[in-house]
Amino acid sequence: MEIIPIEALAPGPDGDADVVPIQSLLYIPVPAAVPGLLPFEQTFSTYFRLVQEAAGVGAGPVRSR
């Protein structure tokens, strides 16, 4: 059995050249645009929907205690 020094197993100076950066693995799904709206118009449509949801408009029935 041949003994190999541990230093021989270490990667070379460019050993990380084939490593993929973690940021490239991030997947952010993009919602489909509403038909007939340009991306600029879709931005405002989404903004107004979020504002209404935050204000409770159209959020469904309000239950009283």
N, C-alpha and C. Protein backbone atom coordinates (compact mmCIF):
# COMPACT_ATOMS: atom_id res chain seq x y z
N MET A 1 0.84 -1.18 0.00
CA MET A 1 0.00 0.00 0.00
C MET A 1 0.89 1.24 0.00
N GLU A 2 0.63 2.13 -0.92
CA GLU A 2 1.43 3.35 -1.04
C GLU A 2 0.84 4.46 -0.17
N ILE A 3 1.67 5.16 0.55
CA ILE A 3 1.23 6.28 1.40
C ILE A 3 1.38 7.56 0.60
N ILE A 4 0.27 8.32 0.55
CA ILE A 4 0.24 9.60 -0.19
C ILE A 4 0.16 10.73 0.82
N PRO A 5 1.05 11.73 0.74
CA PRO A 5 0.96 12.85 1.68
C PRO A 5 -0.34 13.64 1.46
N ILE A 6 -0.89 14.17 2.53
CA ILE A 6 -2.16 14.91 2.49
C ILE A 6 -2.08 16.13 1.58
N GLU A 7 -0.92 16.75 1.47
CA GLU A 7 -0.76 17.93 0.63
C GLU A 7 -1.05 17.60 -0.84
N ALA A 8 -0.81 16.36 -1.24
CA ALA A 8 -1.05 15.96 -2.63
C ALA A 8 -2.54 15.92 -2.96
N LEU A 9 -3.39 15.82 -1.95
CA LEU A 9 -4.84 15.76 -2.15
C LEU A 9 -5.48 17.14 -2.19
N ALA A 10 -4.76 18.16 -1.78
CA ALA A 10 -5.31 19.52 -1.76
C ALA A 10 -5.53 20.03 -3.18
N PRO A 11 -6.58 20.83 -3.40
CA PRO A 11 -6.81 21.37 -4.75
C PRO A 11 -5.72 22.35 -5.12
N GLY A 12 -5.51 22.49 -6.42
CA GLY A 12 -4.50 23.41 -6.92
C GLY A 12 -4.92 24.86 -6.73
N PRO A 13 -4.12 25.80 -7.21
CA PRO A 13 -4.42 27.22 -7.03
C PRO A 13 -5.74 27.65 -7.67
N ASP A 14 -6.14 26.99 -8.75
CA ASP A 14 -7.43 27.33 -9.39
C ASP A 14 -8.43 26.20 -9.17
N GLY A 15 -8.39 25.57 -8.03
CA GLY A 15 -9.27 24.44 -7.72
C GLY A 15 -10.72 24.83 -7.59
N ASP A 16 -11.01 26.10 -7.32
CA ASP A 16 -12.40 26.56 -7.18
C ASP A 16 -12.95 27.11 -8.48
N ALA A 17 -12.27 26.91 -9.60
CA ALA A 17 -12.71 27.48 -10.88
C ALA A 17 -14.03 26.88 -11.34
N ASP A 18 -14.33 25.64 -10.97
CA ASP A 18 -15.56 25.02 -11.41
C ASP A 18 -16.69 25.12 -10.39
N VAL A 19 -16.50 25.89 -9.33
CA VAL A 19 -17.52 26.06 -8.31
C VAL A 19 -18.51 27.14 -8.77
N VAL A 20 -19.82 26.82 -8.65
CA VAL A 20 -20.87 27.75 -9.04
C VAL A 20 -21.19 28.65 -7.85
N PRO A 21 -21.23 29.97 -8.05
CA PRO A 21 -21.57 30.87 -6.94
C PRO A 21 -22.99 30.61 -6.44
N ILE A 22 -23.19 30.67 -5.14
CA ILE A 22 -24.49 30.40 -4.53
C ILE A 22 -25.56 31.37 -5.04
N GLN A 23 -25.19 32.62 -5.36
CA GLN A 23 -26.16 33.60 -5.83
C GLN A 23 -26.79 33.17 -7.15
N SER A 24 -26.05 32.42 -7.96
CA SER A 24 -26.60 32.01 -9.25
C SER A 24 -27.65 30.92 -9.09
N LEU A 25 -27.74 30.30 -7.93
CA LEU A 25 -28.73 29.26 -7.69
C LEU A 25 -30.05 29.80 -7.18
N LEU A 26 -30.11 31.08 -6.86
CA LEU A 26 -31.32 31.70 -6.34
C LEU A 26 -32.37 31.77 -7.43
N TYR A 27 -33.55 31.26 -7.14
CA TYR A 27 -34.65 31.28 -8.11
C TYR A 27 -35.76 32.13 -7.54
N ILE A 28 -36.11 33.18 -8.25
CA ILE A 28 -37.22 34.05 -7.84
C ILE A 28 -38.27 33.94 -8.93
N PRO A 29 -39.40 33.30 -8.60
CA PRO A 29 -40.44 33.18 -9.63
C PRO A 29 -41.04 34.55 -9.95
N VAL A 30 -41.25 34.78 -11.21
CA VAL A 30 -41.84 36.03 -11.68
C VAL A 30 -43.28 35.75 -12.03
N PRO A 31 -44.23 36.45 -11.38
CA PRO A 31 -45.64 36.20 -11.70
C PRO A 31 -45.95 36.58 -13.14
N ALA A 32 -46.87 35.85 -13.71
CA ALA A 32 -47.27 36.13 -15.09
C ALA A 32 -48.00 37.46 -15.15
N ALA A 33 -47.75 38.21 -16.19
CA ALA A 33 -48.39 39.51 -16.36
C ALA A 33 -49.84 39.32 -16.77
N VAL A 34 -50.66 40.28 -16.38
CA VAL A 34 -52.06 40.27 -16.78
C VAL A 34 -52.12 40.50 -18.28
N PRO A 35 -52.89 39.71 -19.01
CA PRO A 35 -52.96 39.90 -20.46
C PRO A 35 -53.43 41.30 -20.82
N GLY A 36 -52.77 41.89 -21.77
CA GLY A 36 -53.17 43.22 -22.25
C GLY A 36 -52.47 44.37 -21.55
N LEU A 37 -51.72 44.09 -20.50
CA LEU A 37 -51.03 45.16 -19.79
C LEU A 37 -49.54 45.10 -20.11
N LEU A 38 -48.96 46.25 -20.31
CA LEU A 38 -47.52 46.35 -20.47
C LEU A 38 -46.87 46.18 -19.10
N PRO A 39 -45.59 45.80 -19.03
CA PRO A 39 -44.93 45.65 -17.73
C PRO A 39 -45.03 46.90 -16.86
N PHE A 40 -44.94 48.08 -17.49
CA PHE A 40 -45.05 49.33 -16.72
C PHE A 40 -46.44 49.45 -16.10
N GLU A 41 -47.48 49.11 -16.87
CA GLU A 41 -48.84 49.17 -16.36
C GLU A 41 -49.07 48.09 -15.29
N GLN A 42 -48.47 46.94 -15.46
CA GLN A 42 -48.60 45.86 -14.49
C GLN A 42 -48.03 46.27 -13.14
N THR A 43 -46.96 47.07 -13.16
CA THR A 43 -46.36 47.55 -11.92
C THR A 43 -47.37 48.34 -11.10
N PHE A 44 -48.10 49.24 -11.74
CA PHE A 44 -49.08 50.04 -11.02
C PHE A 44 -50.27 49.20 -10.58
N SER A 45 -50.67 48.24 -11.40
CA SER A 45 -51.77 47.36 -11.04
C SER A 45 -51.41 46.57 -9.77
N THR A 46 -50.20 46.05 -9.72
CA THR A 46 -49.74 45.30 -8.55
C THR A 46 -49.63 46.22 -7.35
N TYR A 47 -49.12 47.42 -7.53
CA TYR A 47 -48.97 48.37 -6.43
C TYR A 47 -50.34 48.70 -5.81
N PHE A 48 -51.33 49.02 -6.64
CA PHE A 48 -52.65 49.37 -6.13
C PHE A 48 -53.31 48.17 -5.45
N ARG A 49 -53.08 46.96 -5.95
CA ARG A 49 -53.63 45.77 -5.31
C ARG A 49 -53.02 45.59 -3.92
N LEU A 50 -51.71 45.79 -3.80
CA LEU A 50 -51.05 45.66 -2.50
C LEU A 50 -51.50 46.73 -1.52
N VAL A 51 -51.71 47.95 -2.01
CA VAL A 51 -52.19 49.02 -1.14
C VAL A 51 -53.59 48.69 -0.63
N GLN A 52 -54.45 48.19 -1.50
CA GLN A 52 -55.80 47.83 -1.08
C GLN A 52 -55.79 46.69 -0.08
N GLU A 53 -54.94 45.70 -0.29
CA GLU A 53 -54.84 44.60 0.65
C GLU A 53 -54.34 45.08 2.01
N ALA A 54 -53.38 45.99 2.01
CA ALA A 54 -52.84 46.53 3.26
C ALA A 54 -53.89 47.34 4.01
N ALA A 55 -54.78 48.01 3.27
CA ALA A 55 -55.83 48.83 3.89
C ALA A 55 -57.04 47.98 4.28
N GLY A 56 -57.05 46.72 3.86
CA GLY A 56 -58.17 45.86 4.20
C GLY A 56 -59.32 45.94 3.21
N VAL A 57 -59.14 46.65 2.13
CA VAL A 57 -60.18 46.77 1.12
C VAL A 57 -60.17 45.49 0.29
N GLY A 58 -61.30 44.87 0.20
CA GLY A 58 -61.40 43.65 -0.60
C GLY A 58 -60.73 42.45 0.06
N ALA A 59 -60.48 42.54 1.35
CA ALA A 59 -59.80 41.45 2.05
C ALA A 59 -60.78 40.41 2.56
N GLY A 60 -62.07 40.58 2.28
CA GLY A 60 -63.07 39.64 2.74
C GLY A 60 -63.87 40.22 3.88
N PRO A 61 -64.84 39.45 4.38
CA PRO A 61 -65.70 39.96 5.46
C PRO A 61 -64.92 40.17 6.76
N VAL A 62 -65.30 41.22 7.46
CA VAL A 62 -64.68 41.53 8.76
C VAL A 62 -65.58 40.97 9.85
N ARG A 63 -65.02 40.18 10.74
CA ARG A 63 -65.78 39.58 11.82
C ARG A 63 -65.71 40.46 13.06
N SER A 64 -66.83 40.73 13.65
CA SER A 64 -66.84 41.52 14.89
C SER A 64 -66.91 40.58 16.08
N ARG A 65 -66.39 41.02 17.21
CA ARG A 65 -66.38 40.17 18.40
C ARG A 65 -67.58 40.41 19.25
